[in-house]
Protein backbone atom coordinates (compact mmCIF):
# COMPACT_ATOMS: atom_id res chain seq x y z
CA MET A 1 154.68 108.98 64.98
CA SER A 2 150.62 109.80 64.49
CA ASP A 3 148.69 112.35 66.04
CA ALA A 4 145.94 111.55 68.60
CA THR A 5 142.66 112.29 68.64
CA VAL A 6 141.72 114.18 71.00
CA THR A 7 138.39 113.63 71.90
CA PRO A 8 136.13 115.46 75.12
CA SER A 9 136.47 113.91 78.31
CA ALA A 10 133.97 114.95 81.41
CA ASP A 11 136.65 116.22 83.86
CA PRO A 12 136.93 120.23 82.92
CA HIS A 13 140.68 119.55 83.78
CA LYS A 14 141.17 117.80 80.34
CA LYS A 15 142.10 119.11 77.24
CA GLY A 16 139.42 119.21 74.93
CA LYS A 17 136.39 120.71 77.55
CA SER A 18 135.62 123.49 77.84
CA LEU A 19 134.11 125.46 80.75
CA LEU A 20 131.58 127.65 78.67
CA VAL A 21 129.82 124.64 77.34
CA LYS A 22 127.28 122.61 79.68
CA ASP A 23 127.70 118.74 80.19
CA ALA A 24 124.40 116.51 79.51
CA ARG A 25 124.11 116.86 83.57
CA THR A 26 124.61 120.36 83.88
CA LYS A 27 121.53 120.40 81.17
CA LYS A 28 119.26 118.22 82.89
CA ARG A 29 119.41 120.17 86.51
CA ASP A 30 118.93 123.46 84.34
CA ALA A 31 115.74 122.07 82.84
CA ALA A 32 114.36 120.84 85.97
CA GLU A 33 114.54 124.10 88.07
CA LYS A 34 113.17 125.63 85.41
CA ARG A 35 109.95 123.12 85.22
CA PHE A 36 109.85 123.57 89.18
CA LYS A 37 109.90 127.49 88.96
CA ALA A 38 106.98 126.98 85.98
CA TYR A 39 105.31 124.72 88.75
CA GLY A 40 105.43 127.46 91.35
CA ILE A 41 104.62 130.10 89.01
CA ALA A 42 101.19 127.82 87.70
CA ALA A 43 100.56 127.09 91.63
CA ILE A 44 100.32 130.95 92.07
CA MET A 45 98.58 131.36 89.48
CA VAL A 46 96.08 128.80 89.89
CA GLY A 47 95.68 130.58 93.55
CA VAL A 48 94.74 133.76 92.20
CA LEU A 49 92.22 132.57 89.69
CA PHE A 50 90.86 130.89 92.86
CA LEU A 51 90.74 134.19 95.20
CA VAL A 52 89.76 136.49 92.14
CA ALA A 53 86.76 134.17 91.20
CA LEU A 54 85.60 133.80 95.68
CA LEU A 55 86.23 137.64 95.60
CA TRP A 56 84.03 138.53 92.54
CA ALA A 57 80.60 135.88 93.67
CA ILE A 58 81.21 137.82 97.17
CA ILE A 59 81.28 140.78 95.20
CA GLN A 60 78.05 139.80 92.59
CA ASN A 61 76.36 138.49 94.97
CA GLY A 62 76.63 140.19 97.95
CA THR A 63 76.27 143.93 96.86
CA PRO A 64 72.48 143.86 95.85
CA ALA A 65 72.01 143.41 99.53
CA PHE A 66 72.86 147.00 100.48
CA THR A 67 70.55 148.41 98.60
CA GLN A 68 66.64 148.32 98.80
CA THR A 69 63.37 149.49 96.81
CA TYR A 70 61.11 151.80 98.61
CA VAL A 71 57.87 153.70 97.39
CA THR A 72 56.97 156.76 98.95
CA LEU A 73 53.64 157.26 99.86
CA GLU A 74 51.02 160.10 101.12
CA VAL A 75 49.64 158.49 104.25
CA GLU A 76 46.31 160.41 105.68
CA LEU A 77 46.51 159.73 109.36
CA LEU A 78 43.00 159.28 110.11
CA GLU A 79 41.48 160.56 113.65
CA GLU A 80 38.53 158.92 113.61
CA ARG A 81 40.15 155.22 113.21
CA LEU A 82 43.60 156.27 115.27
CA ASP A 83 42.37 157.95 118.10
CA PRO A 84 38.32 158.29 118.06
CA ASN A 85 38.15 160.42 121.02
CA GLY A 86 40.62 162.17 120.57
CA ASN A 87 43.31 162.23 123.96
CA ARG A 88 46.32 161.37 121.86
CA ASP A 89 46.89 159.43 124.17
CA VAL A 90 49.68 156.98 123.75
CA GLU A 91 48.52 153.95 125.95
CA GLU A 92 45.41 153.99 123.94
CA LEU A 93 47.00 154.52 120.44
CA LYS A 94 49.01 151.35 120.88
CA LYS A 95 45.77 149.19 121.53
CA THR A 96 45.32 150.17 117.53
CA SER A 97 47.15 147.34 116.04
CA THR A 98 49.22 147.13 112.56
CA PHE A 99 45.92 145.75 110.90
CA GLY A 100 43.82 149.38 111.80
CA TYR A 101 46.69 150.94 109.70
CA LYS A 102 46.36 148.28 106.74
CA PRO A 103 43.34 150.68 104.93
CA LEU A 104 45.01 153.84 105.45
CA ILE A 105 48.01 151.91 103.35
CA GLU A 106 45.44 150.63 101.02
CA THR A 107 43.69 154.59 100.46
CA ALA A 108 47.39 155.93 100.03
CA LEU A 109 47.82 152.90 97.66
CA ILE A 110 44.73 154.26 95.64
CA ASN A 111 45.59 157.60 95.24
CA ALA A 112 49.28 157.45 94.36
CA THR A 113 47.98 155.56 91.39
CA SER A 114 44.91 157.10 90.31
CA ASP A 115 46.29 158.06 87.56
CA ILE A 116 47.86 155.37 85.81
CA GLU A 117 46.15 152.39 84.06
CA THR A 118 46.60 148.80 85.60
CA GLU A 119 44.80 145.68 85.69
CA VAL A 120 45.73 145.53 89.37
CA ASP A 121 42.77 146.05 91.86
CA ASP A 122 41.96 147.87 94.08
CA GLY A 123 43.08 145.58 97.13
CA ASP A 124 46.09 143.92 95.53
CA LEU A 125 47.82 147.30 95.45
CA ALA A 126 49.25 145.93 98.48
CA LYS A 127 50.77 143.16 97.29
CA ILE A 128 53.49 145.57 96.12
CA LEU A 129 54.32 146.76 99.95
CA SER A 130 56.17 144.50 101.92
CA SER A 131 54.36 143.32 105.39
CA GLY A 132 55.74 145.82 107.55
CA ALA A 133 54.71 148.97 105.96
CA ALA A 134 51.84 149.04 108.84
CA ALA A 135 54.29 148.65 111.23
CA VAL A 136 56.46 151.49 109.88
CA ILE A 137 53.52 153.87 109.96
CA ARG A 138 52.33 153.08 113.17
CA ASP A 139 55.79 152.79 115.03
CA HIS A 140 55.98 156.66 113.79
CA VAL A 141 52.20 157.67 115.34
CA LEU A 142 53.10 156.72 119.17
CA ALA A 143 56.37 157.96 118.31
CA ASN A 144 55.12 161.42 117.18
CA PRO A 145 50.84 161.82 118.54
CA ALA A 146 50.80 164.73 117.31
CA THR A 147 50.55 164.28 113.67
CA ILE A 148 47.41 162.32 114.10
CA GLY A 149 44.66 163.97 111.78
CA GLU A 150 47.26 164.78 109.06
CA THR A 151 48.93 163.80 105.94
CA VAL A 152 52.41 162.13 106.16
CA ALA A 153 54.75 161.20 103.23
CA PHE A 154 56.38 157.72 104.17
CA ARG A 155 58.75 156.14 102.63
CA VAL A 156 58.51 152.05 103.08
CA LEU A 157 59.87 148.68 101.91
CA THR A 158 58.09 146.97 98.96
CA SER A 159 57.90 143.16 98.91
CA SER A 160 60.60 141.30 98.76
CA ARG A 161 59.36 140.06 95.07
CA VAL A 162 59.25 143.60 93.86
CA ASP A 163 63.04 144.74 95.06
CA GLY A 164 63.85 141.65 93.43
CA TYR A 165 62.78 143.05 90.10
CA MET A 166 64.60 146.20 90.44
CA LYS A 167 67.25 143.96 91.04
CA GLY A 168 67.38 141.64 88.20
CA ARG A 169 67.11 139.12 90.22
CA VAL A 170 63.06 138.31 90.00
CA GLN A 171 61.68 137.72 85.94
CA ARG A 172 58.15 138.22 84.93
CA GLU A 173 58.16 134.60 84.00
CA ASP A 174 59.11 133.53 87.39
CA LEU A 175 55.77 134.95 88.38
CA ALA A 176 53.52 132.52 86.71
CA ARG A 177 52.68 130.47 89.74
CA ASP A 178 53.01 133.01 92.36
CA LYS A 179 50.08 134.18 94.56
CA ASN A 180 51.82 137.24 95.31
CA LEU A 181 52.42 138.57 93.05
CA ASP A 182 52.04 138.48 88.55
CA ALA A 183 53.14 140.56 86.31
CA ALA A 184 50.51 143.69 86.08
CA HIS A 185 51.49 144.16 89.39
CA LEU A 186 55.10 144.78 87.85
CA ASP A 187 53.57 147.46 85.02
CA LEU A 188 52.89 149.07 88.01
CA ILE A 189 56.31 149.17 89.31
CA ASP A 190 57.61 150.32 85.97
CA VAL A 191 55.44 153.64 86.17
CA MET A 192 55.92 154.41 89.14
CA VAL A 193 59.75 154.37 88.92
CA GLU A 194 59.00 156.48 85.76
CA LYS A 195 57.37 159.03 88.32
CA GLY A 196 59.77 158.61 90.64
CA SER A 197 57.63 157.32 93.92
CA VAL A 198 59.93 153.77 93.47
CA GLU A 199 63.41 154.28 93.74
CA ARG A 200 65.76 151.99 94.64
CA VAL A 201 68.52 153.41 97.32
CA PHE A 202 71.62 152.45 100.29
CA ASN A 203 69.55 150.56 102.57
CA TRP A 204 71.21 151.14 106.15
CA SER A 205 68.36 148.99 108.00
CA PHE A 206 71.00 146.37 106.12
CA ILE A 207 74.34 147.60 108.36
CA THR A 208 71.97 148.58 111.48
CA GLY A 209 68.92 146.28 111.85
CA ALA A 210 67.65 143.04 113.31
CA ASP A 211 66.91 139.98 111.67
CA ALA A 212 63.08 139.35 110.39
CA SER A 213 60.74 136.48 110.74
CA GLU A 214 61.21 134.73 106.62
CA SER A 215 57.75 136.20 105.93
CA ARG A 216 59.75 139.77 106.00
CA PRO A 217 63.22 139.37 104.53
CA GLU A 218 63.38 143.00 103.07
CA GLN A 219 63.61 144.25 106.58
CA ALA A 220 66.08 141.68 107.45
CA GLY A 221 69.40 143.39 109.09
CA ILE A 222 72.94 142.42 110.64
CA GLY A 223 73.35 145.51 113.21
CA VAL A 224 72.08 143.33 115.87
CA SER A 225 74.22 140.28 115.41
CA MET A 226 77.25 142.67 114.39
CA LEU A 227 76.39 143.99 118.07
CA GLY A 228 76.44 140.16 119.78
CA SER A 229 79.71 139.35 117.71
CA PHE A 230 81.35 142.56 119.64
CA PHE A 231 80.43 141.73 122.76
CA MET A 232 82.01 137.76 122.50
CA MET A 233 85.05 139.78 120.89
CA ILE A 234 85.10 141.27 124.11
CA VAL A 235 85.34 138.44 126.16
CA VAL A 236 87.90 136.24 124.45
CA LEU A 237 90.19 139.36 124.21
CA VAL A 238 89.52 140.15 128.08
CA LEU A 239 90.54 136.71 129.03
CA ALA A 240 92.16 134.66 126.14
CA LEU A 241 95.08 137.40 126.11
CA PRO A 242 95.94 137.56 129.66
CA ILE A 243 95.42 133.92 130.14
CA GLY A 244 97.55 132.38 127.21
CA VAL A 245 100.16 134.49 127.70
CA ALA A 246 100.65 133.97 131.33
CA ALA A 247 100.68 130.71 130.17
CA SER A 248 102.81 131.40 128.24
CA ILE A 249 105.23 132.63 129.66
CA TYR A 250 105.66 130.24 132.37
CA LEU A 251 106.06 126.87 130.14
CA GLU A 252 108.77 129.42 127.79
CA GLU A 253 110.46 130.96 130.44
CA PHE A 254 109.91 129.48 134.04
CA ALA A 255 108.27 126.13 133.36
CA PRO A 256 111.01 123.38 134.10
CA GLN A 257 111.69 120.50 131.74
CA ASN A 258 110.68 117.56 132.03
CA TRP A 259 107.61 114.69 131.48
CA PHE A 260 104.76 116.80 132.96
CA THR A 261 105.17 120.08 130.64
CA ASP A 262 106.42 118.10 127.87
CA LEU A 263 102.43 116.23 128.49
CA ILE A 264 100.93 120.03 129.07
CA GLU A 265 103.13 120.81 125.86
CA VAL A 266 101.76 118.37 123.60
CA ASN A 267 98.18 118.50 124.50
CA ILE A 268 98.27 122.63 123.62
CA SER A 269 99.41 121.21 119.89
CA ASN A 270 96.77 118.64 119.48
CA LEU A 271 93.86 121.46 121.52
CA ALA A 272 95.19 123.90 118.55
CA ALA A 273 94.26 121.07 115.96
CA VAL A 274 90.59 120.11 117.41
CA PRO A 275 87.35 120.86 115.12
CA SER A 276 85.53 123.72 116.81
CA ILE A 277 82.18 122.09 116.66
CA VAL A 278 83.85 119.75 119.83
CA PHE A 279 84.87 123.33 121.58
CA GLY A 280 80.94 123.95 121.01
CA ILE A 281 80.06 120.58 122.60
CA LEU A 282 82.50 121.66 125.84
CA GLY A 283 80.88 125.07 126.25
CA LEU A 284 77.11 123.67 125.82
CA ALA A 285 77.77 121.32 128.87
CA ALA A 286 80.64 123.22 131.03
CA PHE A 287 78.59 126.66 130.55
CA ILE A 288 74.77 125.86 130.18
CA GLN A 289 73.61 122.52 131.33
CA VAL A 290 77.07 122.61 134.61
CA ALA A 291 77.37 126.34 135.57
CA HIS A 292 73.26 127.32 134.30
CA LEU A 293 74.67 130.71 132.24
CA PRO A 294 71.72 132.05 130.51
CA GLN A 295 71.72 129.98 126.47
CA SER A 296 72.68 132.16 123.26
CA ALA A 297 74.19 135.57 125.61
CA PRO A 298 77.27 136.49 124.03
CA LEU A 299 79.10 135.44 127.72
CA VAL A 300 78.79 131.66 126.81
CA GLY A 301 79.51 132.43 123.13
CA GLY A 302 82.77 134.46 124.17
CA LEU A 303 83.50 131.95 126.94
CA THR A 304 83.54 128.87 124.74
CA LEU A 305 85.69 130.93 121.77
CA THR A 306 87.87 132.20 124.51
CA LEU A 307 88.53 127.82 124.99
CA MET A 308 89.22 127.47 121.22
CA THR A 309 91.01 130.14 120.98
CA LEU A 310 93.52 129.97 123.81
CA PRO A 311 95.66 126.80 122.10
CA THR A 312 96.33 129.75 119.45
CA ILE A 313 97.55 132.46 121.00
CA VAL A 314 99.83 129.92 123.76
CA ILE A 315 101.87 129.08 120.08
CA SER A 316 103.06 132.60 118.93
CA THR A 317 103.00 133.98 122.30
CA ARG A 318 105.60 131.08 123.10
CA ALA A 319 106.94 131.53 119.42
CA SER A 320 107.73 134.88 119.76
CA LEU A 321 109.68 134.49 123.04
CA LYS A 322 111.88 132.24 121.70
CA SER A 323 112.38 134.76 119.10
CA VAL A 324 114.25 137.05 121.14
CA PRO A 325 118.33 136.04 121.22
CA PRO A 326 118.96 134.67 123.89
CA SER A 327 122.33 137.14 124.87
CA ILE A 328 118.86 139.55 126.00
CA ARG A 329 118.03 137.57 128.80
CA ASP A 330 122.01 136.81 129.53
CA ALA A 331 122.40 140.56 129.45
CA ALA A 332 119.76 141.09 131.39
CA LEU A 333 120.45 138.64 134.37
CA GLY A 334 124.83 140.50 133.81
CA VAL A 335 124.02 143.65 135.30
CA GLY A 336 121.64 141.87 138.08
CA ALA A 337 118.15 141.97 137.38
CA SER A 338 115.87 138.59 138.56
CA LYS A 339 114.64 136.08 136.55
CA MET A 340 111.81 137.88 135.95
CA GLN A 341 112.75 141.54 135.71
CA SER A 342 114.65 139.80 132.40
CA VAL A 343 111.73 138.26 131.09
CA PHE A 344 109.44 141.25 131.97
CA HIS A 345 111.26 144.12 131.49
CA HIS A 346 113.05 143.12 128.41
CA VAL A 347 112.19 139.76 126.54
CA LEU A 348 108.08 140.32 127.10
CA PRO A 349 108.64 144.03 125.25
CA LEU A 350 110.66 142.74 122.79
CA ALA A 351 108.67 139.64 121.87
CA MET A 352 104.74 142.33 122.29
CA PRO A 353 104.55 142.30 118.30
CA GLY A 354 104.24 138.85 118.06
CA ILE A 355 102.09 138.69 120.74
CA LEU A 356 99.53 140.76 119.34
CA THR A 357 100.06 139.53 115.68
CA GLY A 358 98.96 135.93 117.10
CA THR A 359 95.99 137.51 119.31
CA ILE A 360 94.17 139.27 116.79
CA ILE A 361 94.63 136.84 113.98
CA GLY A 362 92.91 133.99 116.81
CA LEU A 363 90.34 136.70 117.03
CA ALA A 364 89.78 137.05 114.11
CA GLN A 365 89.61 133.22 113.68
CA ALA A 366 87.19 133.05 116.29
CA LEU A 367 84.77 136.15 114.67
CA GLY A 368 84.17 133.74 111.74
CA GLU A 369 83.55 130.48 113.54
CA THR A 370 79.80 129.31 113.63
CA ALA A 371 79.87 125.59 114.52
CA PRO A 372 80.71 126.13 118.28
CA LEU A 373 77.55 129.11 118.27
CA LEU A 374 75.09 126.53 117.13
CA LEU A 375 75.92 124.45 119.61
CA ILE A 376 74.85 127.05 122.11
CA GLY A 377 72.12 128.14 120.44
CA MET A 378 73.05 131.45 118.96
CA VAL A 379 71.17 131.62 116.06
CA GLY A 380 69.31 133.89 113.80
CA TYR A 381 66.30 135.49 114.90
CA ILE A 382 66.78 135.89 119.11
CA ALA A 383 67.14 139.80 119.05
CA SER A 384 64.83 142.07 117.27
CA ASN A 385 66.26 144.76 119.46
CA TYR A 386 69.25 146.40 120.68
CA PRO A 387 70.52 145.05 124.44
CA ASP A 388 69.63 147.45 126.84
CA GLY A 389 73.07 148.01 128.38
CA VAL A 390 76.29 146.73 128.52
CA ALA A 391 74.50 143.22 130.86
CA SER A 392 71.92 142.87 128.81
CA GLY A 393 74.70 142.83 125.98
CA PHE A 394 76.77 139.72 127.67
CA LEU A 395 73.37 138.07 129.06
CA ASP A 396 70.61 138.71 127.16
CA PRO A 397 70.27 135.63 124.20
CA ASN A 398 71.62 137.08 120.71
CA SER A 399 73.19 135.91 117.77
CA ALA A 400 76.40 136.48 116.07
CA MET A 401 77.06 137.40 112.32
CA PRO A 402 78.77 133.65 110.75
CA ALA A 403 75.32 131.94 113.08
CA GLN A 404 73.32 134.82 111.14
CA ILE A 405 74.83 134.54 108.03
CA TYR A 406 74.40 130.69 108.22
CA GLU A 407 70.46 131.19 109.45
CA TRP A 408 70.16 133.28 106.49
CA ALA A 409 71.61 130.67 103.85
CA LYS A 410 69.11 128.39 104.98
CA ARG A 411 65.71 130.72 104.32
CA ALA A 412 63.89 129.75 101.52
CA ASP A 413 63.46 133.30 100.16
CA PRO A 414 66.04 133.89 97.53
CA ALA A 415 66.21 137.51 99.32
CA TYR A 416 67.64 136.30 102.65
CA TYR A 417 69.87 134.10 99.93
CA GLU A 418 71.73 137.77 98.79
CA ARG A 419 71.38 138.83 102.24
CA ALA A 420 73.88 136.04 103.31
CA TRP A 421 76.26 136.74 100.62
CA GLY A 422 76.45 141.10 102.16
CA GLY A 423 76.87 139.48 105.43
CA ILE A 424 80.09 137.60 103.94
CA ILE A 425 81.15 140.72 102.45
CA ILE A 426 80.49 142.48 106.39
CA LEU A 427 82.51 140.00 107.71
CA LEU A 428 85.19 140.01 105.44
CA VAL A 429 85.99 143.69 105.91
CA PHE A 430 86.20 143.25 110.28
CA LEU A 431 88.72 140.14 109.38
CA MET A 432 90.56 142.02 107.01
CA THR A 433 90.53 145.19 109.57
CA MET A 434 91.54 142.75 112.60
CA ASN A 435 94.37 141.74 110.00
CA LEU A 436 95.27 145.18 108.94
CA ILE A 437 95.43 146.20 112.37
CA ALA A 438 97.85 142.96 112.99
CA ILE A 439 100.57 144.34 110.47
CA ILE A 440 100.38 148.09 111.89
CA LEU A 441 101.24 146.84 115.04
CA ARG A 442 104.13 144.35 114.09
CA ARG A 443 105.23 147.56 112.28
CA ARG A 444 104.93 149.61 115.08
CA PHE A 445 106.40 147.97 117.96
CA GLU A 446 109.12 145.42 115.83
CA ARG A 447 112.22 145.39 117.34
CA ARG A 448 115.96 144.61 115.18
CA TRP A 449 118.44 143.45 116.47
């Protein structure tokens, strides 16, 4: 009898097959797993790459908006021009418009550049200044009439072209067809920078100021729009949180399961996916055309955003209530608590972290919405001053940060484009802060069982 040759078999229990040797099918499966992991890592890297590129673009284009170029001038406040009667009456001083202050500025510029050799004519020196420089001096005189007759040092804004030159946004060749500025003005600015009379400093007015006309981009700020967004978020928080939580508790804990509640749930889910511009149309029709509330007011904007935020809060709150184990409810009912007591004393406190998280995320989403605000008229350059009080903050026309950014992005001057990026940075800071608060609250109130 001859010896038989042993051949490998697919069955590991048969002789000649080792458990330590992978067969073809196992190798194919392991290779597929490695490819899937590689695809996942590649997807993450692509996402991170796009995120880094986005953040880099925002920071690179937006940070120049937080600095501004100023020139220091010694302006003589001539009494014979500003207050010929010499009585320092504010009402009489108001009769002198900004045109009456321009000769004083021109004289101050001539004195400041008297020791500089320049090809710029004396009458063209004022082109390096913002058109709002005269208003700054006039406001100072009206607030301090006693300074009339003295020489006062003012730090006034330069024009957007000069500011762009200081930031590298404007080059000399860009001024070939510019009627407002030429290369000689830039030569003058270079000398004034060396002397220290022209400097680039942090621009607090961008954070605290109001919007300006298209001819004065160097004066534009987002402060008033930030306040408009603040009043809108108060309306959204006061209305959306209690209404959304109450509706969620009823639907999840008390409502009977029938076709009517099923219809409500389907509609809530559908509303969460409706484009925001539809809510803007609804707000325009319901709150302005029917209820006749003031157009462009933060109150109307808050009501419109409340409608948009409610589905998000309802869905997140119901999910938080569902995450509470049924044993909590059963234990409360077992010791004699009523249905309402079990919900409000036991279930709701345990679901609170998720409810707060969903609410803050909904508020953050509402804070960044633009389309609904445009439809109700909350566009830029409406409010040039801060509201007088709380009621004025809710009812007076104002803008909001996303609408202000959208308005700046539409304007032609590159300085406004720069400010649009700067506004995005401020908006992102607000959104990141709100999300950080959501994380902290969730960690603070989170319970484990």
